[in-house]
N, C-alpha and C. Protein backbone atom coordinates (compact mmCIF):
# COMPACT_ATOMS: atom_id res chain seq x y z
N MET A 1 0.82 -1.07 -0.06
CA MET A 1 -0.02 -0.08 -0.15
C MET A 1 1.11 1.14 -0.15
N VAL A 2 2.02 1.19 0.92
CA VAL A 2 2.61 2.68 1.07
C VAL A 2 3.39 3.00 -0.17
N PRO A 3 3.83 2.29 -1.18
CA PRO A 3 4.51 2.66 -2.14
C PRO A 3 3.58 3.07 -3.28
N GLY A 4 2.21 2.54 -3.44
CA GLY A 4 1.25 3.00 -4.31
C GLY A 4 0.85 4.50 -3.76
N LEU A 5 0.64 4.53 -2.66
CA LEU A 5 0.24 5.86 -1.74
C LEU A 5 1.19 6.69 -2.61
N LEU A 6 2.43 6.31 -2.06
CA LEU A 6 3.55 7.59 -2.02
C LEU A 6 3.42 7.90 -3.62
N LEU A 7 3.69 7.06 -4.59
CA LEU A 7 3.73 7.05 -5.97
C LEU A 7 2.19 7.94 -6.38
N SER A 8 1.15 7.49 -5.88
CA SER A 8 0.05 8.47 -6.45
C SER A 8 0.28 10.09 -6.15
N ALA A 9 0.44 10.09 -4.97
CA ALA A 9 0.63 11.79 -3.84
C ALA A 9 1.62 12.20 -5.21
N ALA A 10 2.83 11.68 -5.00
CA ALA A 10 3.70 11.96 -6.10
C ALA A 10 3.38 12.44 -7.39
N GLY A 11 2.63 11.29 -8.01
CA GLY A 11 2.03 12.15 -9.16
C GLY A 11 1.19 13.34 -9.10
N MET A 12 0.68 13.40 -8.21
CA MET A 12 -0.36 14.46 -7.95
C MET A 12 0.42 16.06 -7.68
N LEU A 13 1.50 15.48 -7.14
CA LEU A 13 2.38 16.82 -7.14
C LEU A 13 3.03 17.32 -8.23
N ILE A 14 3.21 16.63 -9.26
CA ILE A 14 4.29 16.87 -10.36
C ILE A 14 3.18 17.51 -11.22
N THR A 15 2.14 17.04 -11.05
CA THR A 15 0.99 17.62 -11.91
C THR A 15 0.47 18.98 -12.00
N VAL A 16 0.60 19.56 -10.33
CA VAL A 16 0.50 20.35 -9.88
C VAL A 16 1.13 21.85 -11.41
N ALA A 17 2.18 21.19 -11.85
CA ALA A 17 2.85 22.38 -12.71
C ALA A 17 2.19 22.53 -13.82
N THR A 18 0.53 22.95 -13.58
CA THR A 18 -0.24 22.37 -15.06
C THR A 18 0.03 23.14 -16.44
N ALA A 19 0.79 24.57 -15.84
CA ALA A 19 1.35 25.28 -17.39
C ALA A 19 2.18 24.29 -18.10
N THR A 20 2.94 23.14 -17.70
CA THR A 20 3.75 22.20 -18.54
C THR A 20 3.20 21.13 -19.12
N PRO A 21 3.07 21.15 -20.14
CA PRO A 21 2.50 20.00 -19.97
C PRO A 21 2.99 18.34 -19.92
N VAL A 22 4.36 18.76 -20.14
CA VAL A 22 5.29 17.54 -20.07
C VAL A 22 5.14 16.85 -18.37
N ALA A 23 4.95 17.77 -17.56
CA ALA A 23 4.90 17.81 -15.87
C ALA A 23 3.36 16.92 -16.21
N VAL A 24 2.55 17.78 -16.51
CA VAL A 24 1.00 16.86 -16.45
C VAL A 24 0.83 15.54 -16.95
N VAL A 25 1.58 15.51 -18.15
CA VAL A 25 2.07 14.14 -18.81
C VAL A 25 2.47 12.72 -17.56
N VAL A 26 3.51 13.61 -17.04
CA VAL A 26 4.62 12.56 -16.39
C VAL A 26 3.79 12.46 -14.79
N GLY A 27 2.97 13.56 -13.99
CA GLY A 27 2.47 13.70 -13.54
C GLY A 27 1.37 12.76 -13.05
N SER A 28 0.52 12.68 -14.65
CA SER A 28 -0.24 11.20 -14.77
C SER A 28 -0.18 9.98 -14.76
N ALA A 29 1.17 10.27 -15.14
CA ALA A 29 1.55 8.71 -15.34
C ALA A 29 1.85 8.11 -14.10
N VAL A 30 2.94 9.03 -13.43
CA VAL A 30 3.32 8.46 -12.05
C VAL A 30 1.85 8.45 -11.09
N PHE A 31 1.05 9.44 -11.18
CA PHE A 31 -0.13 9.00 -10.64
C PHE A 31 -0.93 7.51 -10.98
N GLY A 32 -1.07 6.96 -11.85
CA GLY A 32 -1.55 6.11 -12.57
C GLY A 32 -0.59 5.18 -12.03
N ALA A 33 0.55 5.07 -12.29
CA ALA A 33 0.88 3.62 -11.56
C ALA A 33 0.98 3.29 -10.03
N GLY A 34 0.98 4.52 -9.40
CA GLY A 34 0.59 4.26 -8.07
C GLY A 34 -0.41 4.13 -7.56
N PHE A 35 -1.60 4.55 -8.29
CA PHE A 35 -3.05 4.34 -8.26
C PHE A 35 -3.34 2.55 -8.43
N GLY A 36 -2.95 2.15 -9.45
CA GLY A 36 -2.43 0.65 -10.10
C GLY A 36 -2.14 -0.07 -8.93
N VAL A 37 -1.11 0.29 -8.30
CA VAL A 37 -0.18 -0.65 -6.99
C VAL A 37 -1.48 -0.86 -5.86
N ALA A 38 -1.96 0.68 -5.72
CA ALA A 38 -2.50 0.57 -4.63
C ALA A 38 -3.74 0.08 -4.58
N GLN A 39 -4.18 -0.14 -6.07
CA GLN A 39 -5.84 -0.63 -6.45
C GLN A 39 -5.61 -2.05 -6.09
N ASN A 40 -4.37 -2.79 -6.59
CA ASN A 40 -4.13 -4.30 -6.83
C ASN A 40 -3.76 -4.57 -5.13
N ALA A 41 -3.21 -3.72 -4.45
CA ALA A 41 -3.26 -3.69 -3.31
C ALA A 41 -3.96 -4.30 -2.03
N THR A 42 -4.53 -3.31 -2.22
CA THR A 42 -6.30 -3.15 -1.82
C THR A 42 -7.02 -4.36 -1.45
N LEU A 43 -7.26 -4.77 -3.01
CA LEU A 43 -7.91 -6.16 -3.26
C LEU A 43 -7.28 -7.48 -2.69
N THR A 44 -5.91 -7.37 -3.02
CA THR A 44 -5.15 -8.37 -2.16
C THR A 44 -4.98 -8.71 -0.42
N LEU A 45 -5.07 -7.18 -0.23
CA LEU A 45 -5.14 -7.38 1.18
C LEU A 45 -6.07 -8.04 2.13
N MET A 46 -7.66 -7.45 1.18
CA MET A 46 -8.76 -7.60 1.54
C MET A 46 -8.68 -9.50 1.38
N TYR A 47 -8.79 -9.62 0.28
CA TYR A 47 -8.62 -11.17 0.29
C TYR A 47 -7.53 -12.05 1.02
N ALA A 48 -6.67 -11.52 1.48
CA ALA A 48 -5.67 -12.19 2.59
C ALA A 48 -7.08 -12.33 3.66
N ARG A 49 -7.33 -11.54 4.10
CA ARG A 49 -7.72 -11.55 5.25
C ARG A 49 -9.29 -12.47 5.50
N VAL A 50 -9.65 -13.02 4.52
CA VAL A 50 -10.65 -13.56 4.88
C VAL A 50 -10.83 -15.35 4.22
N ALA A 51 -11.64 -15.97 4.35
CA ALA A 51 -11.58 -17.34 3.88
C ALA A 51 -11.95 -17.55 2.70
N ARG A 52 -11.58 -18.47 2.03
CA ARG A 52 -11.75 -18.39 0.34
C ARG A 52 -13.90 -17.97 0.13
N PRO A 53 -14.29 -18.55 1.03
CA PRO A 53 -15.73 -18.94 0.50
C PRO A 53 -16.35 -17.20 0.58
N SER A 54 -15.34 -16.19 1.03
CA SER A 54 -16.08 -15.21 1.35
C SER A 54 -15.44 -13.98 0.33
N PHE A 55 -14.70 -14.62 -0.44
CA PHE A 55 -13.83 -13.76 -1.31
C PHE A 55 -15.26 -13.17 -2.31
N GLY A 56 -16.37 -13.90 -2.31
CA GLY A 56 -17.45 -13.10 -3.45
C GLY A 56 -18.08 -11.80 -2.51
N THR A 57 -17.99 -12.10 -1.36
CA THR A 57 -17.96 -10.67 -0.53
C THR A 57 -17.16 -9.69 -0.26
N VAL A 58 -15.95 -9.93 -0.32
CA VAL A 58 -14.81 -9.03 -0.07
C VAL A 58 -14.66 -8.41 -1.96
N THR A 59 -15.13 -8.93 -3.11
CA THR A 59 -15.11 -8.66 -4.50
C THR A 59 -16.53 -7.37 -4.60
N ALA A 60 -17.35 -7.53 -3.71
CA ALA A 60 -18.53 -6.99 -4.01
C ALA A 60 -17.99 -5.70 -2.53
N VAL A 61 -17.84 -5.64 -1.82
CA VAL A 61 -17.13 -4.60 -0.74
C VAL A 61 -16.42 -3.48 -1.57
N TRP A 62 -14.92 -4.18 -2.30
CA TRP A 62 -14.09 -3.43 -2.66
C TRP A 62 -14.46 -3.06 -3.98
N ASN A 63 -15.37 -3.44 -4.82
CA ASN A 63 -16.16 -2.41 -5.95
C ASN A 63 -16.96 -1.52 -5.23
N LEU A 64 -17.46 -1.37 -4.24
CA LEU A 64 -18.81 -0.96 -3.60
C LEU A 64 -17.84 0.55 -3.27
N ALA A 65 -16.44 0.19 -2.60
CA ALA A 65 -15.48 1.05 -1.76
C ALA A 65 -14.91 1.87 -2.73
N TYR A 66 -14.64 1.25 -3.88
CA TYR A 66 -13.74 1.77 -5.10
C TYR A 66 -14.47 2.60 -5.50
N ASP A 67 -15.84 2.58 -6.40
CA ASP A 67 -16.69 2.82 -7.06
C ASP A 67 -17.49 4.71 -6.45
N ALA A 68 -17.54 4.10 -5.28
CA ALA A 68 -18.20 5.32 -4.14
C ALA A 68 -16.50 6.51 -3.67
N GLY A 69 -15.60 5.78 -3.87
CA GLY A 69 -14.56 6.68 -3.61
C GLY A 69 -13.81 7.37 -4.67
N MET A 70 -14.22 6.82 -5.69
CA MET A 70 -14.00 7.51 -7.47
C MET A 70 -14.81 8.34 -7.12
N GLY A 71 -16.11 8.37 -6.76
CA GLY A 71 -17.34 9.72 -6.91
C GLY A 71 -17.29 10.76 -6.03
N ALA A 72 -16.39 10.29 -4.50
CA ALA A 72 -16.17 11.40 -3.66
C ALA A 72 -15.26 11.84 -4.26
N GLY A 73 -14.25 11.29 -4.71
CA GLY A 73 -12.88 12.04 -4.68
C GLY A 73 -13.16 13.06 -5.84
N ALA A 74 -13.66 12.38 -7.28
CA ALA A 74 -13.94 13.42 -8.49
C ALA A 74 -14.91 14.50 -7.83
N ALA A 75 -15.92 14.44 -7.24
CA ALA A 75 -16.67 15.38 -6.69
C ALA A 75 -16.16 16.58 -5.65
N GLY A 76 -15.36 15.71 -5.30
CA GLY A 76 -14.77 16.63 -4.30
C GLY A 76 -13.28 17.69 -4.94
N PHE A 77 -12.67 16.72 -5.88
CA PHE A 77 -11.62 17.58 -6.46
C PHE A 77 -12.27 18.48 -7.44
N GLY A 78 -13.40 18.48 -8.22
CA GLY A 78 -14.14 19.38 -8.70
C GLY A 78 -14.39 20.59 -8.37
N LEU A 79 -15.20 20.32 -6.77
CA LEU A 79 -15.50 21.47 -6.16
C LEU A 79 -14.49 22.19 -5.51
N ALA A 80 -12.98 21.67 -5.35
CA ALA A 80 -11.66 21.93 -4.77
C ALA A 80 -11.21 22.92 -6.37
N ALA A 81 -11.24 22.25 -7.34
CA ALA A 81 -10.61 23.12 -8.49
C ALA A 81 -11.71 24.40 -8.60
N ALA A 82 -13.24 24.26 -8.79
CA ALA A 82 -13.79 25.63 -8.90
C ALA A 82 -13.62 26.86 -7.89
N HIS A 83 -13.14 26.22 -6.64
CA HIS A 83 -12.57 27.27 -5.63
C HIS A 83 -11.12 27.63 -5.62
N THR A 84 -10.46 26.54 -6.04
CA THR A 84 -8.99 26.92 -5.80
C THR A 84 -7.94 27.20 -7.25
N GLY A 85 -8.72 26.76 -8.05
CA GLY A 85 -7.79 26.35 -9.18
C GLY A 85 -7.49 25.23 -9.36
N TYR A 86 -7.02 24.45 -10.62
CA TYR A 86 -6.34 23.12 -10.79
C TYR A 86 -5.28 22.91 -10.06
N PRO A 87 -4.11 23.94 -9.79
CA PRO A 87 -3.04 23.32 -9.22
C PRO A 87 -3.07 23.10 -7.81
N TRP A 88 -3.88 23.88 -7.13
CA TRP A 88 -3.79 23.90 -5.54
C TRP A 88 -4.98 22.47 -5.40
N ALA A 89 -5.91 22.74 -6.37
CA ALA A 89 -6.83 21.33 -6.16
C ALA A 89 -6.03 20.09 -6.12
N PHE A 90 -4.91 19.87 -7.29
CA PHE A 90 -3.94 18.88 -7.16
C PHE A 90 -3.16 18.75 -6.19
N ALA A 91 -2.71 19.61 -5.62
CA ALA A 91 -2.17 19.64 -4.20
C ALA A 91 -2.87 19.63 -3.17
N LEU A 92 -4.14 20.00 -3.01
CA LEU A 92 -4.58 19.47 -1.96
C LEU A 92 -5.02 18.09 -2.16
N THR A 93 -5.38 17.47 -3.32
CA THR A 93 -5.42 15.81 -3.30
C THR A 93 -4.52 15.22 -2.98
N ALA A 94 -3.17 15.41 -3.54
CA ALA A 94 -1.82 14.76 -3.08
C ALA A 94 -1.82 15.38 -1.46
N ALA A 95 -2.59 15.91 -0.31
CA ALA A 95 -2.26 15.96 0.89
C ALA A 95 -3.49 14.86 1.47
N VAL A 96 -4.55 15.25 1.07
CA VAL A 96 -5.57 14.13 1.28
C VAL A 96 -4.96 12.93 1.40
N MET A 97 -4.71 12.21 -0.10
CA MET A 97 -3.69 11.21 -0.12
C MET A 97 -2.83 10.54 0.95
N LEU A 98 -2.09 11.41 1.18
CA LEU A 98 -0.80 11.53 2.27
C LEU A 98 -1.46 10.84 3.30
N LEU A 99 -2.87 11.63 3.82
CA LEU A 99 -3.24 11.09 4.93
C LEU A 99 -3.56 9.46 5.60
N ALA A 100 -3.81 8.25 4.26
CA ALA A 100 -4.03 7.52 4.23
C ALA A 100 -2.51 6.80 4.82
N LEU A 101 -1.05 7.54 4.95
CA LEU A 101 -0.14 6.65 5.21
C LEU A 101 -0.31 6.15 6.40
N GLY A 102 -1.03 6.73 7.24
CA GLY A 102 -0.87 6.59 8.46
C GLY A 102 -1.87 5.28 8.66
N PRO A 103 -3.10 5.02 8.59
CA PRO A 103 -3.21 3.77 8.49
C PRO A 103 -2.40 2.40 8.01
N ALA A 104 -1.86 2.88 6.66
CA ALA A 104 -1.30 1.72 5.92
C ALA A 104 0.12 1.56 6.62
N LEU A 105 0.98 2.52 7.39
CA LEU A 105 1.87 1.88 8.12
C LEU A 105 1.60 1.42 8.90
N ARG A 106 0.68 1.78 9.90
CA ARG A 106 0.36 1.13 11.28
C ARG A 106 -0.34 -0.47 10.61
N ASP A 107 -1.35 -0.77 9.62
CA ASP A 107 -1.19 -2.09 9.30
C ASP A 107 -0.15 -3.06 8.72
N ALA A 108 0.54 -2.03 7.40
CA ALA A 108 2.16 -2.43 7.81
C ALA A 108 2.99 -3.32 9.06
N ARG A 109 2.60 -2.66 9.78
CA ARG A 109 3.45 -2.78 10.94
C ARG A 109 3.07 -4.10 12.03
N VAL A 110 1.54 -4.33 11.84
CA VAL A 110 1.11 -5.19 12.35
C VAL A 110 1.04 -6.57 11.98
N ARG A 111 0.70 -6.45 10.30
CA ARG A 111 1.49 -7.55 9.61
C ARG A 111 2.56 -8.07 9.88
N THR A 112 3.63 -7.43 9.76
CA THR A 112 4.77 -7.96 9.78
C THR A 112 5.19 -8.23 11.46
N GLY A 113 4.27 -8.11 12.18
CA GLY A 113 4.62 -8.53 13.92
C GLY A 113 5.59 -7.45 14.45
N SER A 114 5.77 -6.43 13.73
CA SER A 114 6.41 -4.76 14.21
C SER A 114 5.20 -4.33 15.77
N ARG A 115 5.99 -3.65 16.75
CA ARG A 115 5.07 -2.79 17.56
C ARG A 115 4.92 -1.70 17.19
N PRO A 116 3.64 -0.95 16.98
CA PRO A 116 3.60 0.82 16.53
C PRO A 116 4.37 1.29 17.94
N ARG A 117 5.12 2.38 17.61
CA ARG A 117 6.14 3.26 18.55
C ARG A 117 5.17 4.41 18.79
């Protein structure tokens, strides 16, 4: 999860330079790579935490969360961009994404047996 979150947030930060087409393309590619990693990691983690007969439920819950998150994220970004402009909306999106690092790091520590400090 953590690498995906970091790549996605980095892509958003690169995309802040909206006046530079190369930055927008590179930022979008970096974001997409990170998003793909996070997308696969979340589904894999969910499957790992249930017995095989519950995979159908996991798939349904994951898809519901994914679609709801995409919709809420798009609406939130649109509202932010309308009030701040695109560069600030991209920066705000990166900051919000980094908020997920806390739970992701805590989960990684629990899964590896490390104790949180």
